[in-house]
């Protein structure tokens, strides 16, 4: 999620106790590593709240079920843990473990109060180790383990503040986003349900993309409004594509949408790897010339231009900057791929041959792609 100031970004001085610390996490779990560290000064102690990108149960099936449970139970996929440091002690209220293995599933969530002398020191810093997959803490390292260090920044907040920011249970903007997402799924099903070219279908199709636009509008700031612009042109394109004689007009609107997406991704995340850029364009151009070129007739040039535009958009979803934004590494490439797949099927349907259940496949992948792009504005 964006580093929005939700409480106050003060902190021009050191903490009351001049306490310094660092968090060490096993290098092999860096995918679920520390996202942000918040501190808050109480009269007699420093409250430390650590936000991790996620936590993965050792059993993949249990992890999938557990992620769903956590999303509805706590309103988030992020893992949040808190401990307290006073002048001469460190208190872990329910998140300490003296581990036998990083992947153990028993003897977790313990209370302990340790003296600061019980901890290793890195210069003046107390070293707090992450000791298990669900991010219990310890004062001891695991044997034969390489660690990554994380340090506090100037983010200030209590555990309650952090929960209100990261959990859709307690964040009004995220609650609204969640409700709008459910509405998108309802409108999507209704769009697919109605017969092709019916008035009801056109209405629900536009309502679906309009609701997706609202999600982006609610969560956007700065360059992310380019995503809103892209969704707006997509919504207009959705309407025009329902009319046979407006196909080219609809394609131009979607072309503009992809230009806005590409600009947004470029300004927010930078350029993709040049090799990825050329591989994506090469594959899409091969598909265009092998499958569509001979059949496209008067649309050869427009479709070629559109293919290049959507290829550029797709390549920007593989920005190297996503390595620091855990969820976008998977979300945006998936969205870009689904968009390409959906548009490619539309072209095959129009110029090559009819495909069974194409309407369900095209709309399903398209709506999901647009929804993911809109949700990317949250992060």
Protein backbone atom coordinates (compact mmCIF):
# COMPACT_ATOMS: atom_id res chain seq x y z
CA UNK A 1 0.00 0.00 0.00
CA UNK A 2 1.02 3.60 -0.51
CA UNK A 3 3.03 5.26 2.21
CA UNK A 4 0.29 7.70 3.01
CA UNK A 5 0.58 9.80 6.14
CA UNK A 6 -2.33 8.54 8.13
CA UNK A 7 -1.36 9.88 11.55
CA UNK A 8 1.52 12.36 11.49
CA UNK A 9 4.98 12.19 9.98
CA UNK A 10 6.82 13.90 12.75
CA UNK A 11 9.90 12.62 14.14
CA UNK A 12 12.67 15.05 13.80
CA UNK A 13 14.35 13.73 16.98
CA UNK A 14 15.32 10.33 18.34
CA UNK A 15 13.05 8.39 20.65
CA UNK A 16 12.65 9.32 24.30
CA UNK A 17 14.93 6.53 25.39
CA UNK A 18 17.29 6.94 22.40
CA UNK A 19 16.59 3.26 21.74
CA UNK A 20 17.88 1.86 18.47
CA UNK A 21 16.97 -1.52 17.06
CA UNK A 22 16.93 -3.53 13.89
CA UNK A 23 14.81 -6.44 12.67
CA UNK A 24 16.57 -9.43 11.12
CA UNK A 25 14.57 -11.78 8.88
CA UNK A 26 15.87 -15.01 7.27
CA UNK A 27 16.92 -14.26 3.68
CA UNK A 28 14.93 -17.18 2.32
CA UNK A 29 11.69 -15.54 3.51
CA UNK A 30 12.36 -12.15 1.90
CA UNK A 31 9.25 -12.54 -0.28
CA UNK A 32 7.24 -12.04 2.93
CA UNK A 33 9.69 -9.51 4.30
CA UNK A 34 9.22 -6.34 6.30
CA UNK A 35 7.16 -3.72 4.47
CA UNK A 36 7.09 -0.94 7.06
CA UNK A 37 8.09 -0.38 10.70
CA UNK A 38 6.09 2.02 12.89
CA UNK A 39 7.12 3.32 16.29
CA UNK A 40 5.19 5.20 18.97
CA UNK A 41 6.54 6.71 22.18
CA UNK A 42 4.59 6.01 25.34
CA UNK A 43 5.71 7.67 28.62
CA UNK A 44 7.55 4.53 29.74
CA UNK A 45 8.17 2.48 26.60
CA UNK A 46 8.54 2.46 22.82
CA UNK A 47 5.85 0.58 20.89
CA UNK A 48 7.15 -1.09 17.74
CA UNK A 49 4.72 -2.38 15.10
CA UNK A 50 6.14 -4.30 12.16
CA UNK A 51 4.14 -4.78 8.95
CA UNK A 52 5.13 -7.77 6.81
CA UNK A 53 3.97 -8.22 3.22
CA UNK A 54 2.38 -11.58 4.02
CA UNK A 55 2.95 -14.82 5.89
CA UNK A 56 3.00 -18.27 4.28
CA UNK A 57 2.05 -21.40 6.18
CA UNK A 58 4.45 -24.29 5.43
CA UNK A 59 1.54 -26.29 3.98
CA UNK A 60 0.44 -24.63 0.67
CA UNK A 61 -3.17 -25.82 0.93
CA UNK A 62 -3.51 -24.63 4.54
CA UNK A 63 -1.84 -21.37 3.53
CA UNK A 64 -4.48 -20.77 0.82
CA UNK A 65 -7.32 -21.38 3.29
CA UNK A 66 -5.54 -19.36 5.97
CA UNK A 67 -5.11 -16.36 3.64
CA UNK A 68 -8.86 -16.31 2.99
CA UNK A 69 -9.53 -16.61 6.72
CA UNK A 70 -7.13 -13.77 7.52
CA UNK A 71 -8.65 -11.54 4.84
CA UNK A 72 -12.10 -11.80 6.37
CA UNK A 73 -11.04 -12.17 10.01
CA UNK A 74 -8.60 -9.23 10.13
CA UNK A 75 -9.38 -7.55 6.82
CA UNK A 76 -5.89 -7.87 5.37
CA UNK A 77 -3.24 -10.14 3.88
CA UNK A 78 -0.45 -8.17 5.55
CA UNK A 79 0.94 -9.65 8.75
CA UNK A 80 1.25 -7.20 11.65
CA UNK A 81 3.22 -7.89 14.85
CA UNK A 82 3.98 -5.62 17.84
CA UNK A 83 6.45 -5.56 20.72
CA UNK A 84 7.58 -2.99 23.32
CA UNK A 85 11.00 -1.70 24.35
CA UNK A 86 11.63 0.07 27.66
CA UNK A 87 14.93 1.34 29.10
CA UNK A 88 16.06 -2.06 30.27
CA UNK A 89 13.60 -4.64 28.90
CA UNK A 90 11.74 -5.85 25.80
CA UNK A 91 8.19 -7.21 26.08
CA UNK A 92 6.62 -9.57 23.53
CA UNK A 93 2.97 -9.88 24.56
CA UNK A 94 2.00 -12.78 22.28
CA UNK A 95 4.54 -12.92 19.46
CA UNK A 96 7.67 -14.55 20.88
CA UNK A 97 9.00 -17.97 19.95
CA UNK A 98 12.23 -19.74 20.84
CA UNK A 99 12.18 -21.84 17.66
CA UNK A 100 13.35 -25.31 16.80
CA UNK A 101 12.66 -24.56 13.14
CA UNK A 102 11.51 -21.55 11.15
CA UNK A 103 8.67 -23.68 9.76
CA UNK A 104 7.36 -25.13 13.00
CA UNK A 105 3.62 -24.89 13.60
CA UNK A 106 3.55 -25.41 17.37
CA UNK A 107 4.67 -23.39 20.40
CA UNK A 108 3.95 -20.06 18.72
CA UNK A 109 2.53 -16.81 20.13
CA UNK A 110 4.21 -16.72 23.53
CA UNK A 111 4.54 -13.94 26.11
CA UNK A 112 7.96 -13.09 27.45
CA UNK A 113 9.76 -10.18 29.07
CA UNK A 114 13.51 -10.07 28.45
CA UNK A 115 16.18 -7.67 29.57
CA UNK A 116 17.98 -5.70 26.90
CA UNK A 117 21.14 -7.57 27.93
CA UNK A 118 19.53 -10.77 26.59
CA UNK A 119 19.79 -9.41 23.04
CA UNK A 120 22.64 -9.28 20.60
CA UNK A 121 23.88 -5.81 19.72
CA UNK A 122 24.80 -4.43 16.33
CA UNK A 123 26.75 -1.42 17.50
CA UNK A 124 24.17 0.44 19.63
CA UNK A 125 21.21 -1.39 18.06
CA UNK A 126 19.25 -4.20 19.71
CA UNK A 127 18.89 -7.08 17.25
CA UNK A 128 15.41 -8.62 17.14
CA UNK A 129 15.20 -11.81 15.07
CA UNK A 130 12.16 -13.05 13.17
CA UNK A 131 12.08 -16.66 14.25
CA UNK A 132 9.14 -18.37 12.47
CA UNK A 133 7.12 -18.29 9.21
CA UNK A 134 4.29 -16.37 10.93
CA UNK A 135 6.82 -13.78 12.13
CA UNK A 136 7.20 -14.52 15.79
CA UNK A 137 10.19 -12.74 17.29
CA UNK A 138 13.20 -14.01 19.21
CA UNK A 139 16.40 -12.72 20.74
CA UNK A 140 18.30 -15.64 19.23
CA UNK A 141 19.24 -16.41 15.61
CA UNK A 142 18.47 -19.68 13.90
CA UNK A 143 21.59 -21.79 13.24
CA UNK A 144 23.19 -21.64 9.78
CA UNK A 145 20.83 -18.89 8.59
CA UNK A 146 21.57 -15.80 6.52
CA UNK A 147 19.60 -12.73 7.56
CA UNK A 148 18.36 -9.51 5.98
CA UNK A 149 18.28 -6.42 8.21
CA UNK A 150 15.46 -3.87 8.35
CA UNK A 151 15.61 -0.55 10.19
CA UNK A 152 12.90 1.80 11.50
CA UNK A 153 12.17 4.93 9.50
CA UNK A 154 10.10 7.97 10.42
CA UNK A 155 6.69 6.27 10.37
CA UNK A 156 4.76 6.89 13.58
CA UNK A 157 1.73 5.02 14.89
CA UNK A 158 0.34 2.62 17.45
CA UNK A 159 -0.84 -0.89 16.62
CA UNK A 160 -4.38 0.48 16.52
CA UNK A 161 -3.37 3.20 14.04
CA UNK A 162 -1.65 0.66 11.82
CA UNK A 163 -4.63 -1.70 11.86
CA UNK A 164 -6.95 1.17 10.92
CA UNK A 165 -4.76 1.91 7.93
CA UNK A 166 -4.14 -1.61 6.61
CA UNK A 167 -7.39 -3.43 7.46
CA UNK A 168 -10.49 -2.96 5.34
CA UNK A 169 -12.49 -3.68 8.51
CA UNK A 170 -11.38 -0.35 9.96
CA UNK A 171 -10.44 1.78 6.94
CA UNK A 172 -13.51 3.43 5.36
CA UNK A 173 -11.82 3.81 1.99
CA UNK A 174 -10.90 0.12 1.91
CA UNK A 175 -14.39 -0.89 3.07
CA UNK A 176 -15.87 1.11 0.18
CA UNK A 177 -13.37 -0.45 -2.21
CA UNK A 178 -14.32 -3.94 -1.01
CA UNK A 179 -18.05 -3.23 -1.47
CA UNK A 180 -17.47 -1.77 -4.94
CA UNK A 181 -15.43 -4.86 -5.86
CA UNK A 182 -18.36 -7.09 -4.89
CA UNK A 183 -20.66 -4.91 -7.02
CA UNK A 184 -18.25 -5.32 -9.95
CA UNK A 185 -18.57 -9.11 -9.68
CA UNK A 186 -22.37 -8.88 -9.57
CA UNK A 187 -22.51 -6.57 -12.61
CA UNK A 188 -20.01 -8.81 -14.44
CA UNK A 189 -22.21 -11.87 -13.98
CA UNK A 190 -25.28 -9.95 -15.09
CA UNK A 191 -23.45 -8.69 -18.18
CA UNK A 192 -22.45 -12.21 -19.17
CA UNK A 193 -25.94 -13.53 -18.39
CA UNK A 194 -27.82 -11.27 -20.81
CA UNK A 195 -27.94 -12.08 -24.50
CA UNK A 196 -25.39 -10.60 -26.85
CA UNK A 197 -26.24 -7.12 -28.13
CA UNK A 198 -29.24 -6.73 -25.83
CA UNK A 199 -29.85 -3.34 -24.25
CA UNK A 200 -29.61 -4.81 -20.76
CA UNK A 201 -26.20 -6.25 -21.53
CA UNK A 202 -24.89 -2.90 -22.76
CA UNK A 203 -26.17 -1.19 -19.62
CA UNK A 204 -24.61 -3.70 -17.22
CA UNK A 205 -21.36 -3.80 -19.19
CA UNK A 206 -20.96 -0.03 -18.88
CA UNK A 207 -22.04 -0.16 -15.21
CA UNK A 208 -19.34 -2.75 -14.56
CA UNK A 209 -16.54 -0.64 -16.01
CA UNK A 210 -17.99 2.50 -14.40
CA UNK A 211 -17.84 0.81 -10.97
CA UNK A 212 -14.25 -0.27 -11.68
CA UNK A 213 -13.49 3.36 -12.56
CA UNK A 214 -14.94 4.45 -9.20
CA UNK A 215 -12.57 2.06 -7.40
CA UNK A 216 -9.57 3.67 -9.09
CA UNK A 217 -10.93 7.17 -8.54
CA UNK A 218 -11.40 6.48 -4.81
CA UNK A 219 -7.83 5.25 -4.31
CA UNK A 220 -5.85 7.36 -6.80
CA UNK A 221 -3.48 10.20 -6.15
CA UNK A 222 -0.97 11.94 -8.41
CA UNK A 223 -0.04 10.00 -11.54
CA UNK A 224 -2.54 7.27 -10.66
CA UNK A 225 -5.26 9.50 -12.10
CA UNK A 226 -3.85 8.45 -15.47
CA UNK A 227 -5.23 4.99 -14.63
CA UNK A 228 -8.61 6.64 -14.03
CA UNK A 229 -8.33 8.28 -17.46
CA UNK A 230 -7.49 4.91 -19.02
CA UNK A 231 -10.53 3.31 -17.38
CA UNK A 232 -12.72 6.18 -18.55
CA UNK A 233 -11.74 5.63 -22.19
CA UNK A 234 -12.20 1.89 -21.67
CA UNK A 235 -15.73 2.50 -20.42
CA UNK A 236 -16.53 4.54 -23.55
CA UNK A 237 -14.92 1.85 -25.69
CA UNK A 238 -17.07 -0.80 -24.01
CA UNK A 239 -20.17 1.06 -25.12
CA UNK A 240 -19.07 1.58 -28.74
CA UNK A 241 -17.86 -2.00 -29.24
CA UNK A 242 -21.45 -3.16 -28.80
CA UNK A 243 -22.23 -1.63 -32.21
CA UNK A 244 -20.79 -3.27 -35.34
CA UNK A 245 -20.25 0.02 -37.18
CA UNK A 246 -18.40 1.55 -34.20
CA UNK A 247 -15.70 -1.12 -33.85
CA UNK A 248 -12.90 1.15 -35.06
CA UNK A 249 -14.05 3.99 -32.78
CA UNK A 250 -14.11 1.62 -29.81
CA UNK A 251 -10.63 0.36 -30.66
CA UNK A 252 -9.29 3.94 -30.78
CA UNK A 253 -10.73 4.61 -27.31
CA UNK A 254 -9.09 1.47 -25.92
CA UNK A 255 -5.85 2.52 -27.63
CA UNK A 256 -6.01 5.79 -25.70
CA UNK A 257 -6.72 3.83 -22.54
CA UNK A 258 -3.56 1.73 -23.00
CA UNK A 259 -1.52 4.88 -23.61
CA UNK A 260 -2.74 6.29 -20.28
CA UNK A 261 -2.01 2.99 -18.49
CA UNK A 262 1.50 2.92 -19.95
CA UNK A 263 2.13 6.53 -18.93
CA UNK A 264 0.90 5.84 -15.41
CA UNK A 265 3.08 2.73 -15.00
CA UNK A 266 6.07 4.56 -16.49
CA UNK A 267 5.75 7.60 -14.21
CA UNK A 268 5.08 5.53 -11.10
CA UNK A 269 7.39 2.54 -11.62
CA UNK A 270 9.85 3.46 -14.39
CA UNK A 271 10.75 1.62 -17.58
CA UNK A 272 10.69 -2.17 -17.95
CA UNK A 273 13.72 -4.27 -18.70
CA UNK A 274 14.60 -3.68 -22.37
CA UNK A 275 14.79 -7.43 -23.03
CA UNK A 276 11.29 -7.94 -21.61
CA UNK A 277 10.05 -5.01 -23.72
CA UNK A 278 11.29 -6.53 -26.99
CA UNK A 279 10.24 -10.09 -26.11
CA UNK A 280 6.65 -8.99 -25.39
CA UNK A 281 6.42 -6.94 -28.60
CA UNK A 282 8.03 -9.70 -30.65
CA UNK A 283 5.58 -12.36 -29.43
CA UNK A 284 2.52 -10.17 -30.00
CA UNK A 285 3.67 -9.11 -33.47
CA UNK A 286 4.30 -12.74 -34.41
CA UNK A 287 0.77 -13.62 -33.29
CA UNK A 288 -0.61 -10.67 -35.25
CA UNK A 289 1.12 -11.52 -38.52
CA UNK A 290 0.54 -15.29 -38.26
CA UNK A 291 -3.12 -15.23 -37.20
CA UNK A 292 -4.70 -11.85 -37.97
CA UNK A 293 -2.83 -10.09 -40.76
CA UNK A 294 -4.38 -11.90 -43.73
CA UNK A 295 -7.90 -11.80 -42.26
CA UNK A 296 -7.98 -8.22 -40.98
CA UNK A 297 -8.55 -6.63 -44.43
CA UNK A 298 -9.19 -2.89 -43.95
CA UNK A 299 -8.22 -3.11 -40.28
CA UNK A 300 -4.61 -4.27 -40.87
CA UNK A 301 -2.95 -0.98 -39.89
CA UNK A 302 -5.29 -0.07 -36.98
CA UNK A 303 -4.87 -3.53 -35.45
CA UNK A 304 -1.09 -3.37 -35.91
CA UNK A 305 -0.97 0.00 -34.10
CA UNK A 306 -3.24 -1.37 -31.35
CA UNK A 307 -1.06 -4.48 -31.00
CA UNK A 308 2.03 -2.33 -30.47
CA UNK A 309 0.19 -0.14 -27.93
CA UNK A 310 -1.11 -3.05 -25.85
CA UNK A 311 2.31 -4.72 -26.09
CA UNK A 312 3.94 -1.61 -24.63
CA UNK A 313 1.34 -1.54 -21.85
CA UNK A 314 1.95 -5.23 -21.09
CA UNK A 315 5.73 -4.76 -20.99
CA UNK A 316 5.34 -1.94 -18.44
CA UNK A 317 3.58 -4.35 -16.08
CA UNK A 318 6.94 -6.13 -15.68
CA UNK A 319 8.70 -3.08 -14.23
CA UNK A 320 11.73 -3.97 -12.04
CA UNK A 321 10.35 -1.53 -9.44
CA UNK A 322 7.70 -4.13 -8.55
CA UNK A 323 10.32 -6.18 -6.70
CA UNK A 324 9.73 -3.75 -3.82
CA UNK A 325 5.93 -3.85 -4.14
CA UNK A 326 5.06 -7.42 -3.29
CA UNK A 327 1.51 -7.75 -4.60
CA UNK A 328 2.01 -5.76 -7.83
CA UNK A 329 4.69 -8.20 -8.98
CA UNK A 330 1.88 -10.67 -9.60
CA UNK A 331 -1.18 -8.48 -10.04
CA UNK A 332 -0.16 -6.17 -12.88
CA UNK A 333 1.47 -8.78 -15.17
CA UNK A 334 -1.64 -10.91 -14.66
CA UNK A 335 -3.88 -7.95 -15.54
CA UNK A 336 -1.84 -7.08 -18.62
CA UNK A 337 -1.82 -10.71 -19.78
CA UNK A 338 -5.57 -11.07 -19.32
CA UNK A 339 -6.15 -7.83 -21.24
CA UNK A 340 -4.04 -9.07 -24.18
CA UNK A 341 -5.78 -12.45 -24.11
CA UNK A 342 -9.24 -10.86 -24.08
CA UNK A 343 -8.47 -8.44 -26.94
CA UNK A 344 -6.84 -11.19 -28.98
CA UNK A 345 -9.97 -13.32 -28.70
CA UNK A 346 -12.11 -10.35 -29.78
CA UNK A 347 -9.96 -10.00 -32.91
CA UNK A 348 -10.15 -13.73 -33.68
CA UNK A 349 -13.93 -13.65 -33.21
CA UNK A 350 -14.32 -10.70 -35.56
CA UNK A 351 -11.84 -11.58 -38.29
CA UNK A 352 -11.03 -15.31 -38.13
CA UNK A 353 -13.74 -17.57 -36.71
CA UNK A 354 -16.30 -17.91 -33.97
CA UNK A 355 -15.21 -19.47 -30.69
CA UNK A 356 -17.52 -21.40 -28.38
CA UNK A 357 -18.25 -19.62 -25.10
CA UNK A 358 -16.15 -16.71 -26.34
CA UNK A 359 -18.44 -14.13 -24.73
CA UNK A 360 -17.92 -15.60 -21.26
CA UNK A 361 -14.16 -15.92 -21.72
CA UNK A 362 -13.70 -12.47 -23.26
CA UNK A 363 -15.79 -10.59 -20.73
CA UNK A 364 -14.54 -12.59 -17.75
CA UNK A 365 -10.85 -11.99 -18.52
CA UNK A 366 -11.44 -8.36 -19.55
CA UNK A 367 -13.38 -7.38 -16.42
CA UNK A 368 -10.81 -9.08 -14.19
CA UNK A 369 -7.95 -7.28 -15.97
CA UNK A 370 -9.60 -3.86 -15.56
CA UNK A 371 -10.45 -4.59 -11.92
CA UNK A 372 -6.86 -5.56 -11.08
CA UNK A 373 -5.54 -2.41 -12.77
CA UNK A 374 -7.99 -0.32 -10.72
CA UNK A 375 -7.04 -2.12 -7.49
CA UNK A 376 -3.35 -1.49 -8.19
CA UNK A 377 -3.96 2.14 -7.18
CA UNK A 378 -4.31 0.96 -3.56
CA UNK A 379 -0.61 0.02 -3.33
